[in-house]
């Protein structure tokens, strides 16, 4: 009797493994935009329409449960059994851990008017261009943006500024955008300037759950106006409040499907700290690899901070100020 129970358990585990494999294949097809899919040999007659399941993860889960109920692999299991519920739970985990979405439009689908956005980048480096393009197409307005700079004319945040989509900007350096200067001086856009290190620390504090901190930077200047100032060791310090956002739009070099991120050189800039300080972090990346392919020591942002990953379609490496040596 024990041998029979063991054999049934072994067959059940094998069936669950096959179900997991099938459903993972289906999820990948949905994420990458395939219209139809035929499952592996263990379910030869099960062809699945993926197009109707691209609306949301909830719809995908419903579809997977439907597949579990129809699959031949359930021959070893009883409908409604604990094993079936366990298999559904496993598939849900697989679904939620695969954070790759098909397009920037899908990645930004729930960003609404009035949202507060952190946007990565330093000059023209590490800017999530595809995600910004998606917001420009969407036409949402009254945005508050938090970014080191405001892009340049018609690039980066400059595209949103040109369409009147930004009402307030919190940043550090805005000197390369003439249009932004005009919008601020005319009162059409509010501007909150911060010393660059203070801006970075305000974002980091937001991600770390620190509501405020004191810094000597800006004490005795216009930066300190309206803020609490205390003396520490005989030196005045200004209290700065942490920054948090509804969404963080960041740009990374590589990601795996679980959302672990690696940045390359200067593109690292503000992106990693922003990933920790928003309710929803969306990463635009140049390359997506399978889990386990990234060197753990090279992961700059762990997947726990990342909600969605999208492969970029724009790989221009722009140069802000081209400098060439004069011919002799």
Protein backbone atom coordinates (compact mmCIF):
# COMPACT_ATOMS: atom_id res chain seq x y z
CA UNK A 1 0.00 0.00 0.00
CA UNK A 2 2.84 2.37 0.81
CA UNK A 3 4.46 1.61 -2.54
CA UNK A 4 1.23 2.39 -4.38
CA UNK A 5 0.79 5.67 -2.51
CA UNK A 6 4.39 6.59 -3.28
CA UNK A 7 3.90 5.83 -6.98
CA UNK A 8 0.71 7.94 -7.10
CA UNK A 9 2.53 10.79 -5.37
CA UNK A 10 5.43 10.50 -7.84
CA UNK A 11 3.07 10.61 -10.82
CA UNK A 12 1.27 13.56 -9.26
CA UNK A 13 4.51 15.49 -8.81
CA UNK A 14 5.48 14.76 -12.42
CA UNK A 15 2.09 16.01 -13.60
CA UNK A 16 2.51 19.20 -11.58
CA UNK A 17 5.95 19.70 -13.12
CA UNK A 18 4.50 19.32 -16.62
CA UNK A 19 1.67 21.72 -15.80
CA UNK A 20 4.13 24.30 -14.53
CA UNK A 21 6.20 23.95 -17.69
CA UNK A 22 3.13 24.33 -19.92
CA UNK A 23 1.82 27.36 -18.09
CA UNK A 24 5.21 29.03 -18.04
CA UNK A 25 5.37 28.55 -21.82
CA UNK A 26 1.92 30.10 -22.17
CA UNK A 27 2.85 33.08 -20.01
CA UNK A 28 6.00 33.70 -22.06
CA UNK A 29 3.96 33.61 -25.28
CA UNK A 30 1.44 36.07 -23.86
CA UNK A 31 4.16 38.41 -22.66
CA UNK A 32 5.95 38.37 -26.00
CA UNK A 33 2.82 38.85 -28.09
CA UNK A 34 2.39 35.43 -29.71
CA UNK A 35 -1.13 34.89 -31.10
CA UNK A 36 -1.30 31.12 -30.70
CA UNK A 37 0.71 28.45 -28.97
CA UNK A 38 0.84 24.66 -29.04
CA UNK A 39 1.99 23.11 -25.80
CA UNK A 40 4.71 20.42 -25.55
CA UNK A 41 4.18 16.74 -26.32
CA UNK A 42 2.59 15.86 -23.01
CA UNK A 43 -0.43 18.00 -23.99
CA UNK A 44 -0.45 17.55 -27.77
CA UNK A 45 -4.06 18.58 -28.39
CA UNK A 46 -4.10 21.67 -26.21
CA UNK A 47 -3.78 24.72 -28.44
CA UNK A 48 -4.32 28.00 -26.73
CA UNK A 49 -5.45 31.44 -27.86
CA UNK A 50 -3.26 34.01 -26.10
CA UNK A 51 -4.62 37.20 -27.67
CA UNK A 52 -7.61 37.44 -25.35
CA UNK A 53 -5.42 37.23 -22.24
CA UNK A 54 -3.17 40.24 -22.72
CA UNK A 55 -5.29 42.68 -20.73
CA UNK A 56 -3.94 41.99 -17.27
CA UNK A 57 -2.18 39.45 -15.09
CA UNK A 58 -5.54 38.58 -13.51
CA UNK A 59 -6.86 37.51 -16.90
CA UNK A 60 -3.76 35.43 -17.49
CA UNK A 61 -4.27 33.65 -14.15
CA UNK A 62 -7.89 32.90 -15.06
CA UNK A 63 -6.70 31.48 -18.36
CA UNK A 64 -4.08 29.33 -16.66
CA UNK A 65 -6.68 27.92 -14.27
CA UNK A 66 -8.84 27.15 -17.30
CA UNK A 67 -5.90 25.32 -18.88
CA UNK A 68 -5.25 23.38 -15.68
CA UNK A 69 -8.85 22.17 -15.76
CA UNK A 70 -8.64 21.09 -19.43
CA UNK A 71 -5.15 19.63 -19.50
CA UNK A 72 -4.52 15.93 -20.03
CA UNK A 73 -1.88 16.17 -17.34
CA UNK A 74 -4.67 16.22 -14.75
CA UNK A 75 -5.22 12.52 -15.32
CA UNK A 76 -3.06 11.91 -12.26
CA UNK A 77 -4.88 14.48 -10.14
CA UNK A 78 -8.37 15.03 -8.79
CA UNK A 79 -10.11 18.30 -9.61
CA UNK A 80 -10.40 20.39 -6.49
CA UNK A 81 -7.67 18.43 -4.72
CA UNK A 82 -4.99 20.03 -2.61
CA UNK A 83 -2.46 19.16 -5.31
CA UNK A 84 -4.42 21.13 -7.93
CA UNK A 85 -4.67 24.14 -5.64
CA UNK A 86 -0.95 23.83 -4.97
CA UNK A 87 -0.23 23.77 -8.70
CA UNK A 88 -2.37 26.88 -9.24
CA UNK A 89 -0.46 28.61 -6.45
CA UNK A 90 2.86 27.67 -8.09
CA UNK A 91 1.68 29.04 -11.44
CA UNK A 92 0.60 32.31 -9.81
CA UNK A 93 4.09 32.66 -8.36
CA UNK A 94 5.61 32.03 -11.80
CA UNK A 95 3.28 34.63 -13.32
CA UNK A 96 4.05 37.35 -10.84
CA UNK A 97 7.79 36.70 -10.88
CA UNK A 98 7.93 37.08 -14.65
CA UNK A 99 7.79 40.87 -14.81
CA UNK A 100 8.40 41.35 -18.52
CA UNK A 101 5.64 43.22 -20.37
CA UNK A 102 5.20 43.47 -24.12
CA UNK A 103 5.53 47.23 -24.65
CA UNK A 104 6.09 50.60 -23.02
CA UNK A 105 2.40 51.38 -23.53
CA UNK A 106 1.44 48.31 -21.49
CA UNK A 107 4.05 49.14 -18.85
CA UNK A 108 2.59 52.64 -18.32
CA UNK A 109 -1.06 51.65 -18.66
CA UNK A 110 -2.10 52.72 -15.14
CA UNK A 111 -0.28 56.06 -14.93
CA UNK A 112 -3.02 58.67 -14.67
CA UNK A 113 -3.38 62.47 -14.63
CA UNK A 114 -1.82 64.06 -11.55
CA UNK A 115 0.67 61.26 -10.89
CA UNK A 116 4.06 61.88 -9.31
CA UNK A 117 6.88 60.32 -11.35
CA UNK A 118 10.55 59.77 -10.67
CA UNK A 119 12.43 59.67 -13.96
CA UNK A 120 16.00 58.39 -14.15
CA UNK A 121 18.82 59.96 -16.10
CA UNK A 122 21.81 62.25 -15.87
CA UNK A 123 22.00 64.59 -18.83
CA UNK A 124 21.26 62.33 -21.81
CA UNK A 125 22.51 59.16 -20.10
CA UNK A 126 20.24 56.53 -18.55
CA UNK A 127 17.00 58.16 -19.70
CA UNK A 128 13.96 55.83 -20.12
CA UNK A 129 13.13 57.11 -23.62
CA UNK A 130 10.53 54.49 -24.56
CA UNK A 131 8.56 55.02 -21.36
CA UNK A 132 8.59 58.79 -21.82
CA UNK A 133 7.41 58.34 -25.43
CA UNK A 134 4.55 56.19 -24.15
CA UNK A 135 3.47 58.92 -21.72
CA UNK A 136 3.62 61.49 -24.51
CA UNK A 137 1.34 59.30 -26.67
CA UNK A 138 -1.01 58.77 -23.75
CA UNK A 139 -1.38 62.52 -23.22
CA UNK A 140 -1.79 62.47 -19.44
CA UNK A 141 -1.42 65.86 -17.75
CA UNK A 142 -0.72 67.62 -14.44
CA UNK A 143 2.30 65.43 -13.75
CA UNK A 144 4.83 66.11 -11.02
CA UNK A 145 8.25 64.91 -12.16
CA UNK A 146 11.28 64.24 -9.98
CA UNK A 147 14.47 64.04 -12.00
CA UNK A 148 18.01 65.37 -11.86
CA UNK A 149 17.43 67.45 -14.97
CA UNK A 150 14.52 68.27 -17.25
CA UNK A 151 15.93 66.79 -20.41
CA UNK A 152 16.70 68.97 -23.42
CA UNK A 153 14.41 70.40 -26.09
CA UNK A 154 12.41 67.52 -27.59
CA UNK A 155 14.34 64.81 -25.72
CA UNK A 156 13.66 63.09 -22.43
CA UNK A 157 11.29 65.10 -20.25
CA UNK A 158 11.49 67.84 -22.88
CA UNK A 159 8.90 65.88 -24.87
CA UNK A 160 6.41 66.02 -22.00
CA UNK A 161 7.15 69.69 -21.35
CA UNK A 162 6.52 70.58 -25.00
CA UNK A 163 3.04 69.03 -24.75
CA UNK A 164 2.16 70.76 -21.49
CA UNK A 165 1.96 67.51 -19.54
CA UNK A 166 4.13 68.57 -16.57
CA UNK A 167 2.81 70.99 -13.94
CA UNK A 168 5.72 70.76 -11.46
CA UNK A 169 9.32 69.64 -11.62
CA UNK A 170 11.60 68.79 -8.69
CA UNK A 171 15.19 68.66 -9.85
CA UNK A 172 18.72 69.93 -9.68
CA UNK A 173 20.07 71.02 -13.06
CA UNK A 174 17.83 72.50 -15.74
CA UNK A 175 20.27 74.62 -17.71
CA UNK A 176 20.16 72.68 -20.99
CA UNK A 177 16.46 73.16 -21.75
CA UNK A 178 15.52 76.60 -23.12
CA UNK A 179 11.85 75.68 -23.42
CA UNK A 180 11.74 74.66 -19.76
CA UNK A 181 13.29 77.99 -18.78
CA UNK A 182 10.53 79.84 -20.64
CA UNK A 183 7.79 77.71 -19.07
CA UNK A 184 9.13 78.37 -15.56
CA UNK A 185 9.57 82.11 -16.08
CA UNK A 186 6.04 82.40 -17.50
CA UNK A 187 4.58 80.54 -14.50
CA UNK A 188 3.28 77.60 -16.55
CA UNK A 189 5.48 75.09 -14.73
CA UNK A 190 6.44 75.11 -11.04
CA UNK A 191 10.09 74.44 -10.25
CA UNK A 192 11.65 73.22 -7.01
CA UNK A 193 15.43 73.31 -7.25
CA UNK A 194 17.64 71.19 -4.99
CA UNK A 195 21.39 70.84 -4.58
CA UNK A 196 22.25 67.69 -6.51
CA UNK A 197 23.48 65.70 -3.52
CA UNK A 198 20.46 66.77 -1.50
CA UNK A 199 18.14 65.59 -4.27
CA UNK A 200 19.84 62.19 -4.36
CA UNK A 201 19.64 61.85 -0.57
CA UNK A 202 15.98 62.90 -0.47
CA UNK A 203 15.20 60.09 -2.92
CA UNK A 204 17.36 57.60 -1.04
CA UNK A 205 15.67 58.55 2.23
CA UNK A 206 12.27 57.98 0.63
CA UNK A 207 13.29 54.48 -0.37
CA UNK A 208 14.75 53.74 3.07
CA UNK A 209 11.64 54.91 4.94
CA UNK A 210 13.41 57.91 6.51
CA UNK A 211 10.94 60.82 6.59
CA UNK A 212 13.53 63.62 6.84
CA UNK A 213 17.19 64.34 7.51
CA UNK A 214 19.50 67.27 8.26
CA UNK A 215 22.24 68.46 5.92
CA UNK A 216 24.61 71.46 6.04
CA UNK A 217 24.18 71.94 2.28
CA UNK A 218 22.20 75.08 1.53
CA UNK A 219 22.27 76.50 5.06
CA UNK A 220 22.22 80.29 4.97
CA UNK A 221 21.04 80.40 1.35
CA UNK A 222 17.71 80.57 -0.47
CA UNK A 223 17.59 76.77 -0.25
CA UNK A 224 16.95 77.02 3.51
CA UNK A 225 14.04 79.46 3.29
CA UNK A 226 10.93 78.10 5.01
CA UNK A 227 12.74 75.04 6.36
CA UNK A 228 13.77 74.07 9.87
CA UNK A 229 17.42 74.79 10.65
CA UNK A 230 19.33 73.30 13.63
CA UNK A 231 22.89 73.55 14.83
CA UNK A 232 24.95 70.36 15.05
CA UNK A 233 28.52 70.62 16.30
CA UNK A 234 28.35 74.38 15.88
CA UNK A 235 27.28 74.22 12.24
CA UNK A 236 23.77 75.00 10.88
CA UNK A 237 21.93 72.15 9.15
CA UNK A 238 18.80 72.33 7.03
CA UNK A 239 16.04 69.76 7.43
CA UNK A 240 15.08 68.17 4.10
CA UNK A 241 12.08 65.90 3.64
CA UNK A 242 12.23 62.58 1.82
CA UNK A 243 10.84 62.19 -1.69
CA UNK A 244 8.57 59.38 -2.83
CA UNK A 245 6.59 58.84 -6.01
CA UNK A 246 3.69 56.91 -7.46
CA UNK A 247 5.88 55.55 -10.26
CA UNK A 248 9.60 55.38 -11.00
CA UNK A 249 10.60 55.17 -14.67
CA UNK A 250 14.18 53.98 -14.89
CA UNK A 251 16.64 52.78 -17.53
CA UNK A 252 18.95 49.80 -16.99
CA UNK A 253 21.41 47.89 -19.13
CA UNK A 254 20.32 44.31 -18.38
CA UNK A 255 17.50 42.64 -16.50
CA UNK A 256 16.33 39.12 -15.96
CA UNK A 257 12.67 38.16 -16.16
CA UNK A 258 12.32 38.44 -12.39
CA UNK A 259 13.34 42.10 -12.43
CA UNK A 260 16.93 42.03 -11.17
CA UNK A 261 18.73 44.99 -12.76
CA UNK A 262 22.29 45.80 -13.82
CA UNK A 263 23.37 49.30 -14.89
CA UNK A 264 26.32 50.29 -17.02
CA UNK A 265 28.67 53.11 -16.04
CA UNK A 266 27.15 56.62 -15.89
CA UNK A 267 23.66 55.29 -16.67
CA UNK A 268 23.62 54.06 -13.09
CA UNK A 269 23.24 57.70 -11.86
CA UNK A 270 19.87 58.33 -10.16
CA UNK A 271 18.20 55.16 -11.43
CA UNK A 272 18.96 52.70 -8.56
CA UNK A 273 17.81 54.98 -5.73
CA UNK A 274 14.63 55.91 -7.61
CA UNK A 275 13.78 52.21 -7.97
CA UNK A 276 13.43 51.97 -4.19
CA UNK A 277 11.36 55.13 -3.63
CA UNK A 278 8.21 54.57 -5.70
CA UNK A 279 5.08 52.50 -5.31
CA UNK A 280 5.57 51.03 -8.79
CA UNK A 281 8.97 50.83 -10.49
CA UNK A 282 9.05 50.28 -14.26
CA UNK A 283 12.43 49.40 -15.78
CA UNK A 284 13.23 49.95 -19.45
CA UNK A 285 16.23 47.79 -20.35
CA UNK A 286 18.52 47.14 -23.29
CA UNK A 287 18.69 43.37 -22.81
CA UNK A 288 16.59 40.74 -21.03
CA UNK A 289 18.16 37.47 -19.91
CA UNK A 290 16.89 34.38 -18.14
CA UNK A 291 17.07 34.15 -14.32
CA UNK A 292 20.50 33.02 -13.20
CA UNK A 293 22.36 34.62 -16.10
CA UNK A 294 23.23 37.82 -14.23
CA UNK A 295 26.25 37.73 -11.95
CA UNK A 296 24.77 38.21 -8.46
CA UNK A 297 27.61 40.59 -7.57
CA UNK A 298 26.63 42.78 -10.56
CA UNK A 299 22.96 43.19 -9.60
CA UNK A 300 22.53 46.83 -8.59
CA UNK A 301 18.77 46.68 -7.95
CA UNK A 302 17.20 43.43 -6.70
CA UNK A 303 13.90 42.30 -8.19
CA UNK A 304 11.90 43.05 -5.05
CA UNK A 305 11.90 46.75 -6.01
CA UNK A 306 10.84 46.24 -9.64
CA UNK A 307 7.26 45.76 -10.79
CA UNK A 308 7.60 45.72 -14.60
CA UNK A 309 10.37 45.25 -17.15
CA UNK A 310 10.15 46.30 -20.80
CA UNK A 311 12.70 45.89 -23.59
CA UNK A 312 13.67 49.23 -25.13
CA UNK A 313 13.19 49.91 -28.82
CA UNK A 314 15.38 53.04 -28.77
CA UNK A 315 19.12 52.49 -28.45
CA UNK A 316 20.50 55.84 -29.58
CA UNK A 317 23.57 56.82 -27.57
CA UNK A 318 23.23 60.58 -27.65
CA UNK A 319 26.13 62.90 -26.85
CA UNK A 320 25.19 66.06 -25.02
CA UNK A 321 28.22 68.12 -25.98
CA UNK A 322 30.42 66.70 -28.70
CA UNK A 323 34.01 67.84 -28.31
CA UNK A 324 36.59 67.12 -31.01
CA UNK A 325 40.30 67.81 -30.99
CA UNK A 326 41.29 70.51 -33.44
CA UNK A 327 43.31 69.43 -36.44
CA UNK A 328 46.93 70.50 -36.32
